[in-house]
Amino acid sequence: MKLTTYSSALDADVAVSQLEAADIPALARGNDIVGIFGPGFQGATARGVDVLVPAAALKDARAVLELD
């Protein structure tokens, strides 16, 4: 289930790492994560990068990332 969207893959990866450290499975998914500058580019992307978690972990994930 979609938790939130970040403008860059770097920000999404940091969030995924924080969630995984709290034992919450997470995945970063975006249509254009590579961007126009190649796979090493860490700036903003046109569509953003979604962070996904299991539906049962949504409330805990929001608390870990302080989204509420």
N, C-alpha and C. Protein backbone atom coordinates (compact mmCIF):
# COMPACT_ATOMS: atom_id res chain seq x y z
N MET A 1 0.84 -1.16 0.00
CA MET A 1 0.00 0.00 0.00
C MET A 1 0.90 1.24 0.00
N LYS A 2 0.50 2.25 -0.73
CA LYS A 2 1.30 3.47 -0.83
C LYS A 2 1.28 4.23 0.50
N LEU A 3 2.46 4.48 1.03
CA LEU A 3 2.62 5.23 2.27
C LEU A 3 2.76 6.72 1.98
N THR A 4 3.66 7.06 1.08
CA THR A 4 3.91 8.46 0.73
C THR A 4 4.72 8.51 -0.56
N THR A 5 4.91 9.71 -1.08
CA THR A 5 5.71 9.92 -2.29
C THR A 5 6.79 10.94 -1.99
N TYR A 6 8.01 10.63 -2.41
CA TYR A 6 9.14 11.56 -2.26
C TYR A 6 9.54 12.06 -3.63
N SER A 7 10.16 13.23 -3.67
CA SER A 7 10.55 13.80 -4.96
C SER A 7 11.82 13.19 -5.52
N SER A 8 12.62 12.54 -4.67
CA SER A 8 13.86 11.94 -5.17
C SER A 8 14.01 10.51 -4.66
N ALA A 9 14.76 9.72 -5.41
CA ALA A 9 15.03 8.34 -5.03
C ALA A 9 15.85 8.29 -3.74
N LEU A 10 16.73 9.24 -3.55
CA LEU A 10 17.55 9.28 -2.32
C LEU A 10 16.66 9.41 -1.09
N ASP A 11 15.71 10.35 -1.12
CA ASP A 11 14.81 10.53 0.02
C ASP A 11 13.97 9.27 0.26
N ALA A 12 13.50 8.66 -0.81
CA ALA A 12 12.71 7.43 -0.68
C ALA A 12 13.56 6.30 -0.10
N ASP A 13 14.80 6.19 -0.54
CA ASP A 13 15.69 5.14 -0.02
C ASP A 13 15.98 5.33 1.47
N VAL A 14 16.12 6.57 1.90
CA VAL A 14 16.34 6.85 3.33
C VAL A 14 15.11 6.41 4.12
N ALA A 15 13.92 6.73 3.62
CA ALA A 15 12.68 6.33 4.29
C ALA A 15 12.57 4.81 4.37
N VAL A 16 12.88 4.13 3.27
CA VAL A 16 12.83 2.66 3.26
C VAL A 16 13.80 2.10 4.30
N SER A 17 14.98 2.67 4.39
CA SER A 17 15.96 2.21 5.38
C SER A 17 15.46 2.41 6.81
N GLN A 18 14.82 3.55 7.07
CA GLN A 18 14.27 3.81 8.40
C GLN A 18 13.17 2.79 8.73
N LEU A 19 12.32 2.50 7.76
CA LEU A 19 11.24 1.55 7.98
C LEU A 19 11.78 0.14 8.22
N GLU A 20 12.75 -0.25 7.41
CA GLU A 20 13.34 -1.59 7.57
C GLU A 20 14.05 -1.71 8.92
N ALA A 21 14.66 -0.64 9.40
CA ALA A 21 15.30 -0.66 10.72
C ALA A 21 14.28 -0.86 11.83
N ALA A 22 13.03 -0.46 11.56
CA ALA A 22 11.93 -0.65 12.51
C ALA A 22 11.18 -1.95 12.25
N ASP A 23 11.78 -2.84 11.45
CA ASP A 23 11.18 -4.14 11.10
C ASP A 23 9.88 -4.02 10.32
N ILE A 24 9.77 -2.97 9.51
CA ILE A 24 8.61 -2.80 8.63
C ILE A 24 9.10 -2.99 7.20
N PRO A 25 8.59 -4.00 6.49
CA PRO A 25 8.99 -4.20 5.10
C PRO A 25 8.57 -3.00 4.25
N ALA A 26 9.46 -2.53 3.40
CA ALA A 26 9.15 -1.36 2.58
C ALA A 26 9.84 -1.48 1.23
N LEU A 27 9.29 -0.77 0.26
CA LEU A 27 9.80 -0.80 -1.10
C LEU A 27 9.65 0.57 -1.72
N ALA A 28 10.68 1.05 -2.42
CA ALA A 28 10.60 2.31 -3.17
C ALA A 28 10.30 1.96 -4.62
N ARG A 29 9.28 2.63 -5.18
CA ARG A 29 8.91 2.35 -6.56
C ARG A 29 8.61 3.66 -7.29
N GLY A 30 9.24 3.82 -8.46
CA GLY A 30 8.98 4.98 -9.29
C GLY A 30 9.14 4.64 -10.75
N ASN A 31 8.41 5.32 -11.60
CA ASN A 31 8.48 5.06 -13.04
C ASN A 31 9.74 5.60 -13.67
N ASP A 32 10.31 6.62 -13.07
CA ASP A 32 11.48 7.26 -13.69
C ASP A 32 12.60 7.46 -12.68
N ILE A 33 12.82 6.47 -11.81
CA ILE A 33 13.85 6.59 -10.78
C ILE A 33 15.22 6.89 -11.39
N VAL A 34 15.51 6.31 -12.54
CA VAL A 34 16.80 6.55 -13.18
C VAL A 34 16.95 8.00 -13.59
N GLY A 35 15.89 8.64 -13.99
CA GLY A 35 15.94 10.03 -14.40
C GLY A 35 16.67 10.22 -15.72
N ILE A 36 16.73 11.43 -16.18
CA ILE A 36 17.35 11.70 -17.47
C ILE A 36 18.87 11.75 -17.40
N PHE A 37 19.41 11.80 -16.18
CA PHE A 37 20.86 11.91 -16.02
C PHE A 37 21.54 10.59 -15.69
N GLY A 38 20.82 9.49 -15.70
CA GLY A 38 21.42 8.19 -15.46
C GLY A 38 21.16 7.66 -14.06
N PRO A 39 21.58 6.42 -13.80
CA PRO A 39 21.24 5.76 -12.54
C PRO A 39 21.90 6.36 -11.30
N GLY A 40 22.93 7.16 -11.45
CA GLY A 40 23.57 7.77 -10.30
C GLY A 40 22.93 9.07 -9.86
N PHE A 41 21.98 9.58 -10.63
CA PHE A 41 21.34 10.86 -10.34
C PHE A 41 20.45 10.75 -9.11
N GLN A 42 20.60 11.67 -8.16
CA GLN A 42 19.80 11.62 -6.93
C GLN A 42 18.92 12.85 -6.74
N GLY A 43 18.71 13.62 -7.77
CA GLY A 43 17.85 14.80 -7.65
C GLY A 43 16.38 14.45 -7.82
N ALA A 44 15.56 15.47 -7.89
CA ALA A 44 14.11 15.28 -8.02
C ALA A 44 13.76 14.60 -9.33
N THR A 45 12.70 13.81 -9.30
CA THR A 45 12.20 13.14 -10.50
C THR A 45 10.84 13.74 -10.85
N ALA A 46 10.45 13.59 -12.10
CA ALA A 46 9.21 14.20 -12.57
C ALA A 46 7.98 13.63 -11.88
N ARG A 47 7.95 12.33 -11.63
CA ARG A 47 6.77 11.69 -11.06
C ARG A 47 6.93 11.33 -9.59
N GLY A 48 8.10 11.50 -9.05
CA GLY A 48 8.34 11.14 -7.67
C GLY A 48 8.56 9.65 -7.49
N VAL A 49 8.83 9.26 -6.28
CA VAL A 49 9.10 7.86 -5.93
C VAL A 49 8.18 7.49 -4.77
N ASP A 50 7.34 6.48 -4.99
CA ASP A 50 6.41 6.02 -3.96
C ASP A 50 7.12 5.08 -3.00
N VAL A 51 6.78 5.18 -1.74
CA VAL A 51 7.23 4.21 -0.74
C VAL A 51 6.02 3.36 -0.38
N LEU A 52 6.18 2.04 -0.54
CA LEU A 52 5.10 1.09 -0.31
C LEU A 52 5.39 0.24 0.91
N VAL A 53 4.34 -0.05 1.67
CA VAL A 53 4.43 -0.93 2.84
C VAL A 53 3.20 -1.82 2.86
N PRO A 54 3.24 -2.94 3.60
CA PRO A 54 2.04 -3.76 3.74
C PRO A 54 0.92 -2.96 4.42
N ALA A 55 -0.31 -3.22 4.03
CA ALA A 55 -1.46 -2.49 4.59
C ALA A 55 -1.50 -2.60 6.12
N ALA A 56 -1.16 -3.76 6.64
CA ALA A 56 -1.20 -3.97 8.09
C ALA A 56 -0.16 -3.13 8.83
N ALA A 57 0.86 -2.65 8.14
CA ALA A 57 1.93 -1.88 8.77
C ALA A 57 1.81 -0.38 8.51
N LEU A 58 0.75 0.04 7.85
CA LEU A 58 0.62 1.43 7.44
C LEU A 58 0.67 2.41 8.62
N LYS A 59 -0.09 2.14 9.67
CA LYS A 59 -0.12 3.04 10.82
C LYS A 59 1.26 3.14 11.49
N ASP A 60 1.91 2.00 11.69
CA ASP A 60 3.24 2.01 12.31
C ASP A 60 4.25 2.72 11.42
N ALA A 61 4.16 2.52 10.11
CA ALA A 61 5.08 3.15 9.18
C ALA A 61 4.93 4.67 9.20
N ARG A 62 3.68 5.14 9.27
CA ARG A 62 3.45 6.59 9.34
C ARG A 62 4.07 7.16 10.62
N ALA A 63 4.00 6.40 11.71
CA ALA A 63 4.58 6.87 12.97
C ALA A 63 6.11 6.91 12.89
N VAL A 64 6.72 5.90 12.29
CA VAL A 64 8.18 5.85 12.17
C VAL A 64 8.69 7.05 11.38
N LEU A 65 8.01 7.38 10.30
CA LEU A 65 8.45 8.50 9.45
C LEU A 65 7.86 9.84 9.89
N GLU A 66 7.10 9.82 10.99
CA GLU A 66 6.47 11.03 11.53
C GLU A 66 5.66 11.76 10.47
N LEU A 67 4.80 11.02 9.77
CA LEU A 67 3.97 11.60 8.72
C LEU A 67 2.64 12.13 9.23
N ASP A 68 2.30 11.82 10.47
CA ASP A 68 1.02 12.30 11.02
C ASP A 68 1.16 13.63 11.68
